[in-house]
Protein backbone atom coordinates (compact mmCIF):
# COMPACT_ATOMS: atom_id res chain seq x y z
CA MET A 1 9.03 9.05 0.52
CA PHE A 2 8.90 5.49 -0.73
CA TYR A 3 10.04 6.08 -4.38
CA GLU A 4 12.64 8.39 -3.68
CA ARG A 5 14.17 5.19 -1.29
CA ILE A 6 13.79 3.35 -4.27
CA LEU A 7 16.17 6.16 -6.32
CA ASN A 8 18.52 6.31 -3.62
CA TYR A 9 18.76 2.48 -2.94
CA THR A 10 19.13 1.99 -6.80
CA SER A 11 21.72 4.52 -7.60
CA LYS A 12 23.79 3.65 -4.03
CA GLY A 13 24.02 -0.53 -5.64
CA GLU A 14 24.77 1.16 -9.80
CA LYS A 15 27.74 0.97 -10.85
CA ASN A 16 27.07 1.71 -14.88
CA PRO A 17 27.64 5.20 -14.71
CA ILE A 18 25.58 5.81 -17.66
CA ASN A 19 23.03 4.48 -15.72
CA LYS A 20 23.79 6.32 -12.63
CA MET A 21 23.44 9.51 -14.78
CA TYR A 22 19.49 8.55 -16.07
CA LEU A 23 18.70 8.01 -12.38
CA GLN A 24 19.76 11.15 -11.19
CA GLU A 25 17.39 12.04 -14.46
CA ILE A 26 14.57 10.66 -12.92
CA LYS A 27 15.20 11.85 -9.36
CA LEU A 28 15.19 15.16 -11.06
CA LYS A 29 11.69 14.68 -12.90
CA TRP A 30 9.96 13.08 -9.79
CA ASN A 31 11.28 16.08 -7.47
CA LYS A 32 9.04 17.97 -9.44
CA PHE A 33 5.96 15.78 -7.58
CA GLN A 34 7.89 16.05 -4.10
CA LYS A 35 7.70 19.94 -4.38
CA ALA A 36 4.02 20.20 -5.39
CA VAL A 37 2.68 17.84 -2.64
CA GLU A 38 4.57 19.94 -0.45
CA LYS A 39 2.48 22.77 -1.56
CA GLU A 40 -0.50 23.74 0.84
CA ASN A 41 -3.54 24.40 -1.24
CA VAL A 42 -2.15 21.24 -4.23
CA LYS A 43 -5.04 20.37 -6.02
CA ASN A 44 -5.27 16.32 -7.43
CA GLU A 45 -5.43 17.38 -11.20
CA GLU A 46 -2.19 18.79 -10.63
CA LEU A 47 -0.86 16.00 -8.76
CA VAL A 48 -2.41 13.55 -11.75
CA LYS A 49 -0.79 15.03 -14.49
CA LEU A 50 2.54 15.41 -12.98
CA LEU A 51 2.42 11.69 -12.01
CA ASN A 52 1.11 10.91 -15.51
CA SER A 53 3.67 12.85 -17.08
CA PHE A 54 6.59 10.60 -14.57
CA THR A 55 5.47 7.92 -15.35
CA GLU A 56 5.13 8.39 -19.19
CA SER A 57 8.96 9.47 -19.18
CA LEU A 58 9.99 6.28 -17.41
CA LYS A 59 8.67 4.40 -21.09
CA GLN A 60 11.33 6.36 -22.80
CA LYS A 61 13.47 3.44 -24.42
CA LYS A 62 17.00 4.36 -23.38
CA TYR A 63 15.68 3.24 -19.43
CA ARG A 64 15.27 -0.30 -20.38
CA PHE A 65 17.82 -2.33 -20.74
CA SER A 66 19.90 -3.18 -23.98
CA PRO A 67 21.90 -6.67 -23.97
CA HIS A 68 24.28 -4.72 -26.63
CA THR A 69 24.69 -1.42 -24.71
CA LYS A 70 24.10 -3.08 -21.34
CA ARG A 71 22.61 0.33 -20.19
CA GLY A 72 18.95 0.53 -18.82
CA PHE A 73 16.96 -1.00 -16.49
CA LYS A 74 15.94 -4.79 -16.71
CA LYS A 75 11.84 -4.36 -16.79
CA ASN A 76 12.48 -5.71 -12.89
CA SER A 77 13.83 -3.12 -11.67
CA LEU A 78 12.61 -1.23 -8.51
CA ILE A 79 12.57 2.11 -10.46
CA PHE A 80 9.61 0.50 -12.68
CA ASN A 81 7.47 -0.54 -9.43
CA PRO A 82 4.37 1.72 -8.43
CA ASP A 83 5.53 2.88 -5.34
CA TYR A 84 4.75 6.62 -6.79
CA LEU A 85 1.04 5.31 -5.61
CA LYS A 86 2.67 4.62 -1.98
CA ASP A 87 3.23 8.25 -1.79
CA LEU A 88 0.35 9.92 -3.46
CA ILE A 89 -1.99 8.07 -0.76
CA SER A 90 0.41 9.32 1.73
CA PHE A 91 -0.24 12.71 0.69
CA PHE A 92 -3.78 12.04 1.06
CA LEU A 93 -3.75 10.67 5.01
CA LYS A 94 -1.73 13.29 5.86
CA LYS A 95 -4.44 16.11 5.01
CA THR A 96 -6.79 13.57 6.91
CA GLY A 97 -4.51 14.40 9.71
CA ILE A 98 -4.28 11.08 11.11
CA LEU A 99 -0.97 10.70 11.09
CA ASP A 100 -0.63 13.29 13.89
CA LYS A 101 -3.04 10.92 16.57
CA LYS A 102 -0.97 8.83 19.37
CA GLY A 103 -0.30 5.23 18.36
CA ILE A 104 -0.74 5.69 14.64
CA ILE A 105 1.77 4.16 12.44
CA TRP A 106 2.12 4.79 8.77
CA GLY A 107 4.47 2.94 6.58
CA PHE A 108 5.85 -0.76 5.64
CA TYR A 109 4.86 -2.46 8.57
CA PRO A 110 3.32 -6.54 9.89
CA PHE A 111 0.09 -6.56 11.44
CA SER A 112 -0.34 -8.80 14.72
CA ILE A 113 -2.21 -12.34 13.66
CA ASN A 114 -3.15 -15.01 15.61
CA VAL A 115 -4.23 -13.33 18.36
CA GLY A 116 -5.45 -14.82 21.61
CA PHE A 117 -4.10 -16.68 24.51
CA ASP A 118 -2.02 -19.88 24.78
CA PRO A 119 -1.22 -20.88 28.06
CA PRO A 120 1.45 -23.88 28.29
CA ASN A 121 -0.97 -25.73 30.84
CA ILE A 122 -4.50 -24.89 30.81
CA GLY A 123 -4.61 -25.89 34.05
CA ASP A 124 -1.83 -23.54 35.22
CA MET A 125 -2.58 -20.10 33.86
CA GLU A 126 -2.36 -18.78 37.98
CA ASN A 127 1.58 -18.26 37.01
CA ASP A 128 1.29 -17.60 33.10
CA PRO A 129 -1.90 -17.04 31.21
CA LYS A 130 0.73 -16.28 27.93
CA PHE A 131 -0.99 -13.93 25.63
CA HIS A 132 0.28 -14.63 22.45
CA CYS A 133 0.30 -13.55 19.20
CA ASP A 134 2.35 -13.56 15.80
CA ALA A 135 3.07 -11.47 13.07
CA SER A 136 2.39 -10.85 9.33
CA PRO A 137 4.42 -10.45 6.50
CA LYS A 138 4.98 -6.80 5.27
CA PHE A 139 2.57 -4.57 3.95
CA VAL A 140 2.34 -0.75 3.58
CA GLN A 141 -0.66 0.11 5.99
CA LEU A 142 -1.80 2.77 8.29
CA ILE A 143 -1.27 0.79 11.57
CA GLN A 144 -2.81 1.73 15.75
CA LYS A 145 -0.46 0.49 18.00
CA VAL A 146 -2.47 -0.29 21.24
CA ASP A 147 -0.63 -1.70 24.53
CA ILE A 148 -2.26 -4.56 26.68
CA GLN A 149 -1.74 -5.74 30.27
CA CYS A 150 -3.37 -8.47 31.45
CA ARG A 151 -3.07 -10.88 34.61
CA THR A 152 -4.50 -13.71 36.27
CA SER A 153 -7.56 -12.30 38.72
CA GLY A 154 -6.10 -12.48 42.16
CA LYS A 155 -2.56 -11.81 41.02
CA ARG A 156 -0.25 -8.46 41.15
CA ASN A 157 1.70 -8.36 38.40
CA PHE A 158 0.83 -7.58 34.77
CA HIS A 159 2.25 -9.22 31.73
CA LYS A 160 2.72 -5.99 28.80
CA TYR A 161 2.35 -6.82 25.80
CA THR A 162 1.43 -4.99 22.52
CA LEU A 163 -0.77 -5.29 19.24
CA ASN A 164 -0.08 -3.86 15.58
CA LEU A 165 -3.94 -3.29 14.60
CA PRO A 166 -4.27 -3.05 10.68
CA LEU A 167 -6.91 0.10 10.16
CA ILE A 168 -6.27 0.22 6.23
CA VAL A 169 -4.22 -1.71 4.51
CA PHE A 170 -2.92 -1.25 0.71
CA HIS A 171 -1.84 -4.31 -1.03
CA ILE A 172 -0.31 -2.81 -4.54
CA PHE A 173 0.50 -4.21 -7.57
CA LYS A 174 1.50 -2.95 -10.78
CA GLU A 175 -0.41 -5.70 -12.79
CA LEU A 176 -3.35 -7.81 -10.71
CA ASN A 177 -3.37 -11.19 -11.51
CA ARG A 178 -5.60 -13.86 -10.12
CA GLU A 179 -2.73 -15.00 -7.90
CA ASP A 180 -1.87 -12.03 -6.65
CA PHE A 181 -5.82 -11.49 -5.65
CA VAL A 182 -6.09 -14.73 -3.87
CA THR A 183 -3.05 -14.06 -1.70
CA ALA A 184 -4.27 -10.79 -0.98
CA LYS A 185 -7.90 -11.76 -0.27
CA PHE A 186 -5.81 -13.82 2.50
CA TYR A 187 -4.59 -11.64 4.38
CA ALA A 188 -7.12 -8.95 4.03
CA SER A 189 -9.26 -12.05 5.63
CA MET A 190 -6.09 -12.74 8.38
CA GLY A 191 -6.04 -8.83 8.81
CA LYS A 192 -10.11 -8.80 9.83
CA GLU A 193 -9.57 -11.56 11.70
CA THR A 194 -7.03 -9.14 14.04
CA PHE A 195 -9.62 -6.24 13.57
CA SER A 196 -12.80 -6.94 12.51
CA LYS A 197 -12.77 -2.76 11.33
CA SER A 198 -9.63 -3.01 9.26
CA LYS A 199 -10.02 -1.79 5.61
CA HIS A 200 -8.38 -3.85 2.63
CA LEU A 201 -7.65 -1.91 -0.47
CA ILE A 202 -5.85 -3.29 -3.59
CA ILE A 203 -4.78 -0.91 -5.85
CA THR A 204 -3.26 -1.43 -8.77
CA GLU A 205 -2.33 0.26 -12.67
CA THR A 206 -3.58 -2.11 -14.55
CA LEU A 207 -5.66 -5.96 -14.58
CA ALA A 208 -3.82 -8.94 -16.09
CA PRO A 209 -5.81 -10.18 -19.45
CA LYS A 210 -9.09 -11.28 -19.07
CA PHE A 211 -8.74 -10.56 -15.10
CA ILE A 212 -11.72 -9.27 -12.77
CA PRO A 213 -11.21 -9.70 -9.31
CA PHE A 214 -14.17 -10.92 -7.92
CA VAL A 215 -14.86 -8.72 -4.77
CA GLN A 216 -18.20 -9.10 -3.45
CA GLU A 217 -18.30 -11.76 -0.48
CA SER A 218 -14.14 -11.36 0.19
CA SER A 219 -12.41 -9.79 2.92
CA ILE A 220 -10.96 -6.73 0.13
CA ASP A 221 -13.12 -3.64 1.10
CA LYS A 222 -12.58 -2.56 -3.20
CA VAL A 223 -10.08 -2.44 -5.72
CA PHE A 224 -9.03 0.18 -7.74
CA ILE A 225 -7.41 0.14 -11.04
CA MET A 226 -6.01 3.07 -11.34
CA ARG A 227 -5.04 3.37 -15.47
CA ARG A 228 -8.90 1.43 -15.58
CA SER A 229 -7.58 -1.18 -18.34
CA HIS A 230 -6.18 -4.77 -18.97
CA THR A 231 -2.72 -4.56 -20.11
CA GLN A 232 -3.66 -6.21 -23.63
CA LYS A 233 -5.10 -2.73 -24.07
CA LYS A 234 -3.69 0.16 -24.71
CA GLU A 235 -2.45 1.70 -21.33
CA LYS A 236 -4.43 4.60 -20.65
CA PRO A 237 -3.62 7.36 -18.07
CA LEU A 238 -4.18 7.62 -13.97
CA GLY A 239 -7.60 8.01 -13.76
CA LEU A 240 -8.08 11.54 -12.08
CA ASP A 241 -11.86 10.06 -10.79
CA VAL A 242 -9.98 6.64 -9.89
CA ILE A 243 -7.67 9.10 -7.86
CA ASN A 244 -10.56 11.57 -6.12
CA ALA A 245 -12.44 7.89 -5.19
CA LEU A 246 -9.32 6.44 -3.60
CA GLN A 247 -8.68 9.99 -1.13
CA ASN A 248 -12.75 9.92 -0.88
CA THR A 249 -12.63 6.70 -0.04
CA ILE A 250 -9.98 6.43 2.69
CA ILE A 251 -11.20 9.83 4.44
CA ASP A 252 -14.89 7.89 4.56
CA PHE A 253 -13.45 4.97 6.29
CA LEU A 254 -11.47 7.16 8.53
CA ALA A 255 -14.91 8.31 9.65
CA ALA A 256 -16.43 4.58 9.32
CA LYS A 257 -18.61 6.34 6.05
CA GLU A 258 -19.63 3.70 3.89
CA ASN A 259 -19.17 4.75 0.25
CA LYS A 260 -20.87 2.83 -2.48
CA SER A 261 -19.42 3.01 -5.96
CA GLN A 262 -19.97 1.29 -9.65
CA LYS A 263 -18.28 -1.66 -10.14
CA SER A 264 -16.45 -2.22 -13.34
CA VAL A 265 -12.85 -2.26 -15.25
CA GLN A 266 -14.64 1.43 -17.06
CA THR A 267 -15.02 2.94 -13.55
CA GLY A 268 -11.64 1.78 -12.10
CA ILE A 269 -13.02 0.79 -9.11
CA ILE A 270 -14.70 -2.71 -8.02
CA GLY A 271 -16.45 -3.29 -4.73
C-alpha cells in the first residue's frame, strides 16, 4: 500500500529513537484502515470514519517537529502527504475488477507521450520507419499496456513497441493551488493527446485560499475537494459524499458513462 511504503521508508532512514517510536504508533493506527479494506463487504462509511480518525491523530502536537526537543516531524515530512487517498483509490479500483484484466497496470508510472513516426530520413523509410514515443513524468494512474508492431509494406520484419496508454490519471494534492492546477492541466492535455478517452482527476484535501479551479474547457475532467474547504477556513473532515462521488466517477469512467455533478467547493466536486 502507498502509505505503508512511506512509513517504512521514513522509519528506515529515521535515527531519532523517539521518532521511531512515533512512526510505530502511526503505523499501528494506519493498520486499522488496512485491515478494514480487506473485509469483503466493508462500507464507505466505515472507511471514511477510519480515515478521519487517522488524519486527525496526525495533528497531535508531539508529531510536529520541535526545535527545542529535536523530536517530531517537519511540515514537509512524507508522513503528512495525502498518500492515504491513493490507498482509498486502490480499494475502489480493486472492487471494479479492472485490475484483473490483461495489460492493466496500477501505480506510480509514466504514460507514453509524443507518439508517432520519426524516421531519420523521410525519403528512406523502407529500412527504418522508426516509430517513436517519449515518457511523461510519473503519476498515480491506471494504465493499459499495449504492444504494437509495424513494418514498411512489402518488408518481412516487424518492429515491436510497447505503449502505456493512460486510462485514469490521478493528480493528488494536499492543498491545490493555481500553479499545481496549471501543471496538472498541461499533463492532462498531453495524456489526452496520447489517448483521447483518458480521464484526468484532481484529488485534493483542500484548496489554496481564494482559489477555485476552472475545469471547463480544460483537459481536467473533475476536481474532488475531499474536505470541501479552503485552507484559510477551519479544516473539515473528509466528506463521505465526496468519497462516494469519487468512487461512482471511477465506475462510470470505466463503463464509459457520463456523470454530471454540481460545481462548487461546498459539494467538494467541480467538473
